[in-house]
Amino acid sequence: MADSIATFKKQNNISIITLDDGKANVFSYKMLRTLNDCLDQVPKDSGSLVIAGRPGIFSGGFDLKTLGSGDVDEIIKMVTLGYETLLTLYSFPRPIIAAVPGHSVALGIFVTCCADYRIAIDGEYICQANEVRNNMDIPTQIMEIVKSRVNKRYFYRAVLNGDPLSMKEAVAAGYIDELASPENFMDRVIEKAEDLATLGHPFYEKTKNVAQADVVEKIKNALSDYSRWN
């Protein structure tokens, strides 16, 4: 396992958070807490942010070990922080680029969807919202994000049917914006991050807030309802 499951570094005006638990990059409470600690270090008024996975996988989703533990308090703590993290990322005031070097599944694909631009390796990997296939529902606080990203003609396949999509299909569906070769992947990610880092503040933030206001309001209301019942 990596020394730290999420690391932060700066490269000029680009902040880079790399997720690497040495395995499937699951979003355990510890991973989510570490990710949020990294986010606290990212400038909110300049530059851009890259969130990258480890070789072969962006993330496999929530930690199934915790979900299957039967420890209700730990499950609620993890899931609540997961939902809150999605809102933080979706409404982040600076551009986020998701660097997807492999599979992006369940909460992994939802985190991917929170990014403003998503670049994936052109390889034999999948993007999948597999909740319904695993006898789980997708709550409002996630569904609103997905609806804002996924193309309507792919919605039933990608979300209601929970189909695994190849990377080329993921581009058509709206999960991913572009594919890059393995050799040029991070070079292309940094190139795009450098471009988006030039977008002025607070103009980018204000425009993003207007564009996403209705979705953010629905997410906040859903989170409020969730906390009330838990």
C-alpha atoms as a PDB file:
ATOM      1  CA  MET A   1       0.000   0.000   0.000  1.00  0.00           C
ATOM      2  CA  ALA A   2       1.133   3.549  -0.708  1.00  0.00           C
ATOM      3  CA  ASP A   3       2.551   5.563   2.210  1.00  0.00           C
ATOM      4  CA  SER A   4      -0.409   7.942   1.906  1.00  0.00           C
ATOM      5  CA  ILE A   5      -3.692   7.021   0.257  1.00  0.00           C
ATOM      6  CA  ALA A   6      -4.111  10.550  -1.135  1.00  0.00           C
ATOM      7  CA  THR A   7      -1.274  12.984  -1.772  1.00  0.00           C
ATOM      8  CA  PHE A   8      -1.135  16.653  -2.665  1.00  0.00           C
ATOM      9  CA  LYS A   9       1.478  18.520  -4.683  1.00  0.00           C
ATOM     10  CA  LYS A  10       1.759  21.780  -6.580  1.00  0.00           C
ATOM     11  CA  GLN A  11       3.113  22.128 -10.105  1.00  0.00           C
ATOM     12  CA  ASN A  12       3.257  25.837 -10.842  1.00  0.00           C
ATOM     13  CA  ASN A  13      -0.392  26.968 -10.773  1.00  0.00           C
ATOM     14  CA  ILE A  14      -1.789  23.430 -10.847  1.00  0.00           C
ATOM     15  CA  SER A  15      -2.721  21.478  -7.720  1.00  0.00           C
ATOM     16  CA  ILE A  16      -2.537  17.703  -8.103  1.00  0.00           C
ATOM     17  CA  ILE A  17      -4.239  15.236  -5.772  1.00  0.00           C
ATOM     18  CA  THR A  18      -3.368  11.604  -6.446  1.00  0.00           C
ATOM     19  CA  LEU A  19      -5.488   8.802  -4.998  1.00  0.00           C
ATOM     20  CA  ASP A  20      -3.522   5.621  -4.385  1.00  0.00           C
ATOM     21  CA  ASP A  21      -4.392   3.049  -1.734  1.00  0.00           C
ATOM     22  CA  GLY A  22      -2.378   0.391  -3.554  1.00  0.00           C
ATOM     23  CA  LYS A  23      -5.559  -1.483  -4.463  1.00  0.00           C
ATOM     24  CA  ALA A  24      -8.912  -0.344  -5.865  1.00  0.00           C
ATOM     25  CA  ASN A  25      -8.782   3.233  -4.525  1.00  0.00           C
ATOM     26  CA  VAL A  26     -11.968   2.671  -2.541  1.00  0.00           C
ATOM     27  CA  PHE A  27     -13.532   5.631  -0.813  1.00  0.00           C
ATOM     28  CA  SER A  28     -13.276   4.548   2.788  1.00  0.00           C
ATOM     29  CA  TYR A  29     -13.821   7.160   5.478  1.00  0.00           C
ATOM     30  CA  LYS A  30     -10.035   7.446   5.732  1.00  0.00           C
ATOM     31  CA  MET A  31      -9.659   8.022   1.985  1.00  0.00           C
ATOM     32  CA  LEU A  32     -12.436  10.609   1.986  1.00  0.00           C
ATOM     33  CA  ARG A  33     -10.991  12.387   5.020  1.00  0.00           C
ATOM     34  CA  THR A  34      -7.526  12.439   3.442  1.00  0.00           C
ATOM     35  CA  LEU A  35      -8.957  13.716   0.148  1.00  0.00           C
ATOM     36  CA  ASN A  36     -10.712  16.540   1.981  1.00  0.00           C
ATOM     37  CA  ASP A  37      -7.511  17.411   3.842  1.00  0.00           C
ATOM     38  CA  CYS A  38      -5.816  17.696   0.443  1.00  0.00           C
ATOM     39  CA  LEU A  39      -8.660  19.843  -0.900  1.00  0.00           C
ATOM     40  CA  ASP A  40      -8.121  22.252   1.985  1.00  0.00           C
ATOM     41  CA  GLN A  41      -4.657  22.972   0.534  1.00  0.00           C
ATOM     42  CA  VAL A  42      -5.921  23.860  -2.954  1.00  0.00           C
ATOM     43  CA  PRO A  43      -6.159  27.598  -3.778  1.00  0.00           C
ATOM     44  CA  LYS A  44      -9.762  28.658  -4.258  1.00  0.00           C
ATOM     45  CA  ASP A  45      -9.032  31.850  -6.198  1.00  0.00           C
ATOM     46  CA  SER A  46      -6.444  30.794  -8.780  1.00  0.00           C
ATOM     47  CA  GLY A  47      -5.102  27.865 -10.778  1.00  0.00           C
ATOM     48  CA  SER A  48      -6.749  24.520 -11.409  1.00  0.00           C
ATOM     49  CA  LEU A  49      -6.977  21.130  -9.717  1.00  0.00           C
ATOM     50  CA  VAL A  50      -6.180  17.664 -11.061  1.00  0.00           C
ATOM     51  CA  ILE A  51      -7.578  14.617  -9.263  1.00  0.00           C
ATOM     52  CA  ALA A  52      -5.814  11.496 -10.507  1.00  0.00           C
ATOM     53  CA  GLY A  53      -6.186   7.801  -9.848  1.00  0.00           C
ATOM     54  CA  ARG A  54      -3.547   5.099  -9.697  1.00  0.00           C
ATOM     55  CA  PRO A  55      -2.433   2.953 -12.669  1.00  0.00           C
ATOM     56  CA  GLY A  56      -5.382   0.925 -13.926  1.00  0.00           C
ATOM     57  CA  ILE A  57      -8.074   2.477 -11.750  1.00  0.00           C
ATOM     58  CA  PHE A  58      -9.524   5.811 -10.752  1.00  0.00           C
ATOM     59  CA  SER A  59     -11.728   4.356  -8.003  1.00  0.00           C
ATOM     60  CA  GLY A  60     -13.897   1.326  -7.325  1.00  0.00           C
ATOM     61  CA  GLY A  61     -16.377   3.289  -5.208  1.00  0.00           C
ATOM     62  CA  PHE A  62     -17.311   3.228  -1.534  1.00  0.00           C
ATOM     63  CA  ASP A  63     -15.436   0.801   0.720  1.00  0.00           C
ATOM     64  CA  LEU A  64     -17.494  -2.403   0.550  1.00  0.00           C
ATOM     65  CA  LYS A  65     -15.808  -3.714   3.701  1.00  0.00           C
ATOM     66  CA  THR A  66     -17.349  -0.861   5.671  1.00  0.00           C
ATOM     67  CA  LEU A  67     -20.729  -1.222   3.947  1.00  0.00           C
ATOM     68  CA  GLY A  68     -20.795  -4.922   4.792  1.00  0.00           C
ATOM     69  CA  SER A  69     -19.549  -4.520   8.360  1.00  0.00           C
ATOM     70  CA  GLY A  70     -22.956  -4.049   9.933  1.00  0.00           C
ATOM     71  CA  ASP A  71     -21.570  -1.067  11.885  1.00  0.00           C
ATOM     72  CA  VAL A  72     -24.327   1.448  11.201  1.00  0.00           C
ATOM     73  CA  ASP A  73     -22.476   4.410  12.717  1.00  0.00           C
ATOM     74  CA  GLU A  74     -19.370   3.780  10.594  1.00  0.00           C
ATOM     75  CA  ILE A  75     -21.459   3.288   7.449  1.00  0.00           C
ATOM     76  CA  ILE A  76     -23.372   6.529   7.997  1.00  0.00           C
ATOM     77  CA  LYS A  77     -20.146   8.417   8.757  1.00  0.00           C
ATOM     78  CA  MET A  78     -18.509   7.196   5.542  1.00  0.00           C
ATOM     79  CA  VAL A  79     -21.533   7.681   3.293  1.00  0.00           C
ATOM     80  CA  THR A  80     -22.307  11.131   4.698  1.00  0.00           C
ATOM     81  CA  LEU A  81     -18.767  12.321   4.075  1.00  0.00           C
ATOM     82  CA  GLY A  82     -18.929  10.800   0.594  1.00  0.00           C
ATOM     83  CA  TYR A  83     -22.044  12.782  -0.269  1.00  0.00           C
ATOM     84  CA  GLU A  84     -20.577  15.979   1.189  1.00  0.00           C
ATOM     85  CA  THR A  85     -17.375  15.469  -0.791  1.00  0.00           C
ATOM     86  CA  LEU A  86     -19.333  15.158  -4.028  1.00  0.00           C
ATOM     87  CA  LEU A  87     -20.971  18.532  -3.380  1.00  0.00           C
ATOM     88  CA  THR A  88     -17.608  20.105  -2.513  1.00  0.00           C
ATOM     89  CA  LEU A  89     -16.117  18.856  -5.781  1.00  0.00           C
ATOM     90  CA  TYR A  90     -19.130  19.631  -7.971  1.00  0.00           C
ATOM     91  CA  SER A  91     -19.301  23.220  -6.713  1.00  0.00           C
ATOM     92  CA  PHE A  92     -15.537  23.784  -6.423  1.00  0.00           C
ATOM     93  CA  PRO A  93     -14.679  27.396  -7.343  1.00  0.00           C
ATOM     94  CA  ARG A  94     -11.761  26.494  -9.629  1.00  0.00           C
ATOM     95  CA  PRO A  95     -11.664  24.083 -12.595  1.00  0.00           C
ATOM     96  CA  ILE A  96     -11.188  20.409 -11.744  1.00  0.00           C
ATOM     97  CA  ILE A  97      -9.714  17.932 -14.231  1.00  0.00           C
ATOM     98  CA  ALA A  98     -10.277  14.243 -13.511  1.00  0.00           C
ATOM     99  CA  ALA A  99      -7.343  12.109 -14.667  1.00  0.00           C
ATOM    100  CA  VAL A 100      -8.887   8.657 -15.125  1.00  0.00           C
ATOM    101  CA  PRO A 101      -6.143   6.072 -15.747  1.00  0.00           C
ATOM    102  CA  GLY A 102      -8.418   3.033 -15.646  1.00  0.00           C
ATOM    103  CA  HIS A 103     -11.727   1.778 -14.260  1.00  0.00           C
ATOM    104  CA  SER A 104     -14.096   4.296 -12.682  1.00  0.00           C
ATOM    105  CA  VAL A 105     -16.966   2.565 -10.897  1.00  0.00           C
ATOM    106  CA  ALA A 106     -19.781   3.456  -8.469  1.00  0.00           C
ATOM    107  CA  LEU A 107     -18.713   6.431  -6.325  1.00  0.00           C
ATOM    108  CA  GLY A 108     -15.621   6.596  -8.535  1.00  0.00           C
ATOM    109  CA  ILE A 109     -17.687   7.519 -11.584  1.00  0.00           C
ATOM    110  CA  PHE A 110     -19.689  10.010  -9.532  1.00  0.00           C
ATOM    111  CA  VAL A 111     -16.495  11.738  -8.406  1.00  0.00           C
ATOM    112  CA  THR A 112     -15.412  11.709 -12.053  1.00  0.00           C
ATOM    113  CA  CYS A 113     -18.692  13.379 -12.973  1.00  0.00           C
ATOM    114  CA  CYS A 114     -18.005  16.175 -10.475  1.00  0.00           C
ATOM    115  CA  ALA A 115     -14.962  17.299 -12.449  1.00  0.00           C
ATOM    116  CA  ASP A 116     -15.268  20.081 -15.010  1.00  0.00           C
ATOM    117  CA  TYR A 117     -13.180  18.184 -17.561  1.00  0.00           C
ATOM    118  CA  ARG A 118     -12.457  14.458 -17.626  1.00  0.00           C
ATOM    119  CA  ILE A 119      -9.599  12.760 -19.450  1.00  0.00           C
ATOM    120  CA  ALA A 120      -9.216   8.991 -19.475  1.00  0.00           C
ATOM    121  CA  ILE A 121      -6.700   6.533 -20.849  1.00  0.00           C
ATOM    122  CA  ASP A 122      -7.805   4.943 -24.098  1.00  0.00           C
ATOM    123  CA  GLY A 123      -7.681   1.337 -22.928  1.00  0.00           C
ATOM    124  CA  GLU A 124      -9.645  -1.748 -21.936  1.00  0.00           C
ATOM    125  CA  TYR A 125     -11.325  -0.140 -18.941  1.00  0.00           C
ATOM    126  CA  ILE A 126     -14.907   0.598 -17.947  1.00  0.00           C
ATOM    127  CA  CYS A 127     -16.994   3.357 -16.441  1.00  0.00           C
ATOM    128  CA  GLN A 128     -20.000   2.058 -14.545  1.00  0.00           C
ATOM    129  CA  ALA A 129     -22.675   3.238 -12.146  1.00  0.00           C
ATOM    130  CA  ASN A 130     -23.434  -0.270 -10.899  1.00  0.00           C
ATOM    131  CA  GLU A 131     -25.720   0.557  -7.976  1.00  0.00           C
ATOM    132  CA  VAL A 132     -28.976  -0.841  -9.400  1.00  0.00           C
ATOM    133  CA  ARG A 133     -27.204  -4.064 -10.422  1.00  0.00           C
ATOM    134  CA  ASN A 134     -26.063  -4.390  -6.800  1.00  0.00           C
ATOM    135  CA  ASN A 135     -29.572  -3.837  -5.402  1.00  0.00           C
ATOM    136  CA  MET A 136     -28.879  -0.256  -4.368  1.00  0.00           C
ATOM    137  CA  ASP A 137     -30.583   2.968  -5.374  1.00  0.00           C
ATOM    138  CA  ILE A 138     -28.958   6.197  -6.486  1.00  0.00           C
ATOM    139  CA  PRO A 139     -30.123   9.007  -4.172  1.00  0.00           C
ATOM    140  CA  THR A 140     -30.993  12.524  -5.247  1.00  0.00           C
ATOM    141  CA  GLN A 141     -27.697  14.015  -4.083  1.00  0.00           C
ATOM    142  CA  ILE A 142     -25.886  11.799  -6.597  1.00  0.00           C
ATOM    143  CA  MET A 143     -28.571  11.552  -9.274  1.00  0.00           C
ATOM    144  CA  GLU A 144     -28.636  15.308  -9.822  1.00  0.00           C
ATOM    145  CA  ILE A 145     -24.922  15.287 -10.614  1.00  0.00           C
ATOM    146  CA  VAL A 146     -25.255  12.324 -12.967  1.00  0.00           C
ATOM    147  CA  LYS A 147     -28.252  13.849 -14.764  1.00  0.00           C
ATOM    148  CA  SER A 148     -26.226  16.990 -15.411  1.00  0.00           C
ATOM    149  CA  ARG A 149     -23.465  14.973 -17.113  1.00  0.00           C
ATOM    150  CA  VAL A 150     -24.904  11.897 -18.863  1.00  0.00           C
ATOM    151  CA  ASN A 151     -26.328  12.292 -22.353  1.00  0.00           C
ATOM    152  CA  LYS A 152     -30.049  11.491 -22.462  1.00  0.00           C
ATOM    153  CA  ARG A 153     -29.767   8.734 -25.046  1.00  0.00           C
ATOM    154  CA  TYR A 154     -27.351   6.873 -22.760  1.00  0.00           C
ATOM    155  CA  PHE A 155     -29.165   7.558 -19.504  1.00  0.00           C
ATOM    156  CA  TYR A 156     -31.084   4.285 -19.251  1.00  0.00           C
ATOM    157  CA  ARG A 157     -28.053   2.182 -20.150  1.00  0.00           C
ATOM    158  CA  ALA A 158     -25.634   4.047 -17.937  1.00  0.00           C
ATOM    159  CA  VAL A 159     -27.760   4.752 -14.896  1.00  0.00           C
ATOM    160  CA  LEU A 160     -30.973   2.722 -14.705  1.00  0.00           C
ATOM    161  CA  ASN A 161     -29.522  -0.405 -16.327  1.00  0.00           C
ATOM    162  CA  GLY A 162     -26.110   0.030 -14.714  1.00  0.00           C
ATOM    163  CA  ASP A 163     -24.297  -1.173 -17.834  1.00  0.00           C
ATOM    164  CA  PRO A 164     -20.497  -1.158 -17.894  1.00  0.00           C
ATOM    165  CA  LEU A 165     -19.394   1.239 -20.632  1.00  0.00           C
ATOM    166  CA  SER A 166     -16.141   1.026 -22.520  1.00  0.00           C
ATOM    167  CA  MET A 167     -14.055   4.164 -22.525  1.00  0.00           C
ATOM    168  CA  LYS A 168     -15.212   5.076 -26.026  1.00  0.00           C
ATOM    169  CA  GLU A 169     -18.831   4.559 -24.938  1.00  0.00           C
ATOM    170  CA  ALA A 170     -18.120   6.615 -21.811  1.00  0.00           C
ATOM    171  CA  VAL A 171     -17.134   9.547 -24.028  1.00  0.00           C
ATOM    172  CA  ALA A 172     -20.362   9.223 -26.019  1.00  0.00           C
ATOM    173  CA  ALA A 173     -22.355   8.954 -22.783  1.00  0.00           C
ATOM    174  CA  GLY A 174     -20.797  12.101 -21.311  1.00  0.00           C
ATOM    175  CA  TYR A 175     -18.892  10.475 -18.450  1.00  0.00           C
ATOM    176  CA  ILE A 176     -15.566  11.307 -20.129  1.00  0.00           C
ATOM    177  CA  ASP A 177     -14.618  14.282 -22.303  1.00  0.00           C
ATOM    178  CA  GLU A 178     -11.625  12.864 -24.132  1.00  0.00           C
ATOM    179  CA  LEU A 179      -9.298   9.891 -24.343  1.00  0.00           C
ATOM    180  CA  ALA A 180      -5.514   9.979 -24.395  1.00  0.00           C
ATOM    181  CA  SER A 181      -2.935   7.332 -25.140  1.00  0.00           C
ATOM    182  CA  PRO A 182      -1.189   5.748 -22.138  1.00  0.00           C
ATOM    183  CA  GLU A 183       2.098   7.328 -23.268  1.00  0.00           C
ATOM    184  CA  ASN A 184       0.695  10.880 -23.428  1.00  0.00           C
ATOM    185  CA  PHE A 185      -1.953  10.641 -20.715  1.00  0.00           C
ATOM    186  CA  MET A 186      -0.532  12.805 -17.933  1.00  0.00           C
ATOM    187  CA  ASP A 187       1.077  15.207 -20.413  1.00  0.00           C
ATOM    188  CA  ARG A 188      -2.370  15.830 -21.876  1.00  0.00           C
ATOM    189  CA  VAL A 189      -3.925  16.158 -18.406  1.00  0.00           C
ATOM    190  CA  ILE A 190      -1.356  18.791 -17.407  1.00  0.00           C
ATOM    191  CA  GLU A 191      -1.756  20.596 -20.728  1.00  0.00           C
ATOM    192  CA  LYS A 192      -5.513  20.877 -20.152  1.00  0.00           C
ATOM    193  CA  ALA A 193      -5.017  21.854 -16.508  1.00  0.00           C
ATOM    194  CA  GLU A 194      -2.640  24.639 -17.533  1.00  0.00           C
ATOM    195  CA  ASP A 195      -5.214  25.946 -20.002  1.00  0.00           C
ATOM    196  CA  LEU A 196      -8.094  25.927 -17.493  1.00  0.00           C
ATOM    197  CA  ALA A 197      -5.873  27.479 -14.826  1.00  0.00           C
ATOM    198  CA  THR A 198      -5.831  30.680 -16.903  1.00  0.00           C
ATOM    199  CA  LEU A 199      -9.578  31.214 -16.464  1.00  0.00           C
ATOM    200  CA  GLY A 200     -10.002  34.332 -14.373  1.00  0.00           C
ATOM    201  CA  HIS A 201     -11.268  34.612 -10.825  1.00  0.00           C
ATOM    202  CA  PRO A 202     -13.994  35.298  -9.739  1.00  0.00           C
ATOM    203  CA  PHE A 203     -15.509  35.147 -13.227  1.00  0.00           C
ATOM    204  CA  TYR A 204     -15.155  31.383 -13.558  1.00  0.00           C
ATOM    205  CA  GLU A 205     -16.644  30.774 -10.119  1.00  0.00           C
ATOM    206  CA  LYS A 206     -19.576  33.129 -10.673  1.00  0.00           C
ATOM    207  CA  THR A 207     -20.403  31.632 -14.061  1.00  0.00           C
ATOM    208  CA  LYS A 208     -20.190  28.096 -12.682  1.00  0.00           C
ATOM    209  CA  ASN A 209     -22.439  29.016  -9.768  1.00  0.00           C
ATOM    210  CA  VAL A 210     -25.107  30.375 -12.113  1.00  0.00           C
ATOM    211  CA  ALA A 211     -24.900  27.344 -14.398  1.00  0.00           C
ATOM    212  CA  GLN A 212     -25.189  24.843 -11.540  1.00  0.00           C
ATOM    213  CA  ALA A 213     -27.414  26.719  -9.098  1.00  0.00           C
ATOM    214  CA  ASP A 214     -30.506  24.532  -9.489  1.00  0.00           C
ATOM    215  CA  VAL A 215     -28.540  21.278  -9.179  1.00  0.00           C
ATOM    216  CA  VAL A 216     -26.602  22.513  -6.142  1.00  0.00           C
ATOM    217  CA  GLU A 217     -29.833  23.577  -4.418  1.00  0.00           C
ATOM    218  CA  LYS A 218     -31.381  20.134  -4.968  1.00  0.00           C
ATOM    219  CA  ILE A 219     -28.237  18.435  -3.645  1.00  0.00           C
ATOM    220  CA  LYS A 220     -28.175  20.613  -0.523  1.00  0.00           C
ATOM    221  CA  ASN A 221     -31.856  19.914   0.142  1.00  0.00           C
ATOM    222  CA  ALA A 222     -31.294  16.173  -0.282  1.00  0.00           C
ATOM    223  CA  LEU A 223     -28.300  16.268   2.067  1.00  0.00           C
ATOM    224  CA  SER A 224     -30.373  18.114   4.638  1.00  0.00           C
ATOM    225  CA  ASP A 225     -33.109  15.456   4.411  1.00  0.00           C
ATOM    226  CA  TYR A 226     -30.504  12.696   4.659  1.00  0.00           C
ATOM    227  CA  SER A 227     -28.918  14.139   7.796  1.00  0.00           C
ATOM    228  CA  ARG A 228     -32.353  14.626   9.358  1.00  0.00           C
ATOM    229  CA  TRP A 229     -33.188  10.941   8.953  1.00  0.00           C
ATOM    230  CA  ASN A 230     -29.758   9.713  10.044  1.00  0.00           C
END
